[in-house]
C-alpha atoms as a PDB file:
ATOM      1  CA  MET A   1       7.657  -5.760 -23.442  1.00  0.00           C
ATOM      2  CA  GLU A   2       4.004  -5.616 -24.361  1.00  0.00           C
ATOM      3  CA  ASN A   3       1.161  -5.489 -21.856  1.00  0.00           C
ATOM      4  CA  CYS A   4      -0.236  -8.871 -20.939  1.00  0.00           C
ATOM      5  CA  ARG A   5      -2.579 -10.395 -18.399  1.00  0.00           C
ATOM      6  CA  LYS A   6      -1.517 -13.209 -16.138  1.00  0.00           C
ATOM      7  CA  ILE A   7      -3.490 -15.053 -13.520  1.00  0.00           C
ATOM      8  CA  GLY A   8      -1.758 -15.638 -10.226  1.00  0.00           C
ATOM      9  CA  LYS A   9      -2.535 -16.095  -6.567  1.00  0.00           C
ATOM     10  CA  ILE A  10      -2.147 -13.800  -3.600  1.00  0.00           C
ATOM     11  CA  GLN A  11       1.233 -14.739  -2.144  1.00  0.00           C
ATOM     12  CA  ASN A  12       1.300 -12.235   0.719  1.00  0.00           C
ATOM     13  CA  VAL A  13      -0.658  -9.304   2.156  1.00  0.00           C
ATOM     14  CA  GLY A  14       0.649  -7.062   4.904  1.00  0.00           C
ATOM     15  CA  TYR A  15      -0.868  -4.086   6.702  1.00  0.00           C
ATOM     16  CA  GLY A  16       1.377  -1.678   8.534  1.00  0.00           C
ATOM     17  CA  PHE A  17       4.696  -0.055   7.750  1.00  0.00           C
ATOM     18  CA  GLY A  18       6.142  -0.754   4.325  1.00  0.00           C
ATOM     19  CA  GLY A  19       6.645   0.893   0.974  1.00  0.00           C
ATOM     20  CA  TYR A  20       9.843   2.799   0.291  1.00  0.00           C
ATOM     21  CA  GLN A  21      12.375   1.941   3.035  1.00  0.00           C
ATOM     22  CA  GLY A  22       9.505   0.834   5.293  1.00  0.00           C
ATOM     23  CA  ALA A  23       8.722   4.487   6.003  1.00  0.00           C
ATOM     24  CA  MET A  24       5.148   4.494   4.715  1.00  0.00           C
ATOM     25  CA  PHE A  25       1.992   3.144   6.340  1.00  0.00           C
ATOM     26  CA  GLY A  26      -0.596   1.187   4.394  1.00  0.00           C
ATOM     27  CA  ILE A  27      -1.239  -2.191   2.836  1.00  0.00           C
ATOM     28  CA  GLY A  28       1.040  -4.192   0.564  1.00  0.00           C
ATOM     29  CA  PHE A  29       0.252  -7.070  -1.790  1.00  0.00           C
ATOM     30  CA  ILE A  30       2.377  -9.634  -3.564  1.00  0.00           C
ATOM     31  CA  LEU A  31       0.698 -11.608  -6.340  1.00  0.00           C
ATOM     32  CA  GLY A  32       2.405 -14.341  -8.296  1.00  0.00           C
ATOM     33  CA  SER A  33       2.606 -17.791  -9.763  1.00  0.00           C
ATOM     34  CA  ASP A  34       4.928 -20.464  -8.404  1.00  0.00           C
ATOM     35  CA  LYS A  35       4.469 -22.512 -11.596  1.00  0.00           C
ATOM     36  CA  GLU A  36       5.457 -19.685 -13.932  1.00  0.00           C
ATOM     37  CA  GLY A  37       8.026 -18.138 -11.598  1.00  0.00           C
ATOM     38  CA  TRP A  38       6.775 -14.549 -11.483  1.00  0.00           C
ATOM     39  CA  GLU A  39       5.471 -12.141  -8.879  1.00  0.00           C
ATOM     40  CA  VAL A  40       4.447  -8.497  -8.684  1.00  0.00           C
ATOM     41  CA  GLY A  41       3.840  -6.258  -5.698  1.00  0.00           C
ATOM     42  CA  ASP A  42       1.975  -3.074  -4.906  1.00  0.00           C
ATOM     43  CA  PHE A  43       1.780  -0.894  -1.810  1.00  0.00           C
ATOM     44  CA  TRP A  44      -1.035   1.547  -1.037  1.00  0.00           C
ATOM     45  CA  GLY A  45       0.287   3.941   1.561  1.00  0.00           C
ATOM     46  CA  PHE A  46       1.492   7.415   2.401  1.00  0.00           C
ATOM     47  CA  TRP A  47       4.303   9.278   4.110  1.00  0.00           C
ATOM     48  CA  GLY A  48       4.001  10.874   7.513  1.00  0.00           C
ATOM     49  CA  ALA A  49       2.174   8.016   9.171  1.00  0.00           C
ATOM     50  CA  ASN A  50       4.826   7.394  11.789  1.00  0.00           C
ATOM     51  CA  THR A  51       6.152  10.942  12.100  1.00  0.00           C
ATOM     52  CA  LYS A  52       5.056  13.570  14.598  1.00  0.00           C
ATOM     53  CA  HIS A  53       3.981  16.747  12.902  1.00  0.00           C
ATOM     54  CA  THR A  54       6.395  19.671  13.222  1.00  0.00           C
ATOM     55  CA  ASP A  55       6.525  23.112  11.644  1.00  0.00           C
ATOM     56  CA  ASN A  56       8.961  21.692   9.051  1.00  0.00           C
ATOM     57  CA  CYS A  57       6.530  19.039   7.763  1.00  0.00           C
ATOM     58  CA  LYS A  58       5.093  19.498   4.290  1.00  0.00           C
ATOM     59  CA  TRP A  59       1.790  17.958   5.425  1.00  0.00           C
ATOM     60  CA  THR A  60      -0.771  18.881   8.055  1.00  0.00           C
ATOM     61  CA  GLU A  61      -2.317  16.692  10.723  1.00  0.00           C
ATOM     62  CA  GLU A  62      -5.646  17.082   8.898  1.00  0.00           C
ATOM     63  CA  GLU A  63      -4.066  15.733   5.698  1.00  0.00           C
ATOM     64  CA  ARG A  64      -2.635  12.771   7.620  1.00  0.00           C
ATOM     65  CA  ILE A  65      -6.092  11.934   9.016  1.00  0.00           C
ATOM     66  CA  LYS A  66      -7.575  12.327   5.515  1.00  0.00           C
ATOM     67  CA  PHE A  67      -4.979   9.927   4.006  1.00  0.00           C
ATOM     68  CA  HIS A  68      -5.640   7.343   6.742  1.00  0.00           C
ATOM     69  CA  GLY A  69      -9.371   7.584   6.006  1.00  0.00           C
ATOM     70  CA  GLU A  70      -8.974   7.341   2.219  1.00  0.00           C
ATOM     71  CA  ASN A  71      -6.685   4.319   2.541  1.00  0.00           C
ATOM     72  CA  THR A  72      -9.101   2.605   4.928  1.00  0.00           C
ATOM     73  CA  LEU A  73     -12.026   3.225   2.554  1.00  0.00           C
ATOM     74  CA  ARG A  74      -9.974   1.826  -0.355  1.00  0.00           C
ATOM     75  CA  ILE A  75      -9.217  -1.333   1.637  1.00  0.00           C
ATOM     76  CA  SER A  76     -12.872  -1.624   2.666  1.00  0.00           C
ATOM     77  CA  LYS A  77     -13.967  -1.422  -0.993  1.00  0.00           C
ATOM     78  CA  LEU A  78     -11.409  -4.077  -1.946  1.00  0.00           C
ATOM     79  CA  LEU A  79     -12.728  -6.451   0.715  1.00  0.00           C
ATOM     80  CA  ILE A  80     -16.341  -5.859  -0.327  1.00  0.00           C
ATOM     81  CA  ASP A  81     -15.518  -6.416  -4.020  1.00  0.00           C
END
């Protein structure tokens, strides 16, 4: 299948838990066209959002705060654009 551009509408936007098995925290989008019968989704999020940090975690609390901040800035830029 070759790359193509299609114009659709925002079908749904959700902020909170989602992504793989609902275990990530971020924002999800579904874009599509009812007329043409297609839709595509994307989720901007990260792991560890709903997990207390323990010694076994592969992330630090500082990294979690950084990811929350980066995701919030990305959403802010999207809304401004």
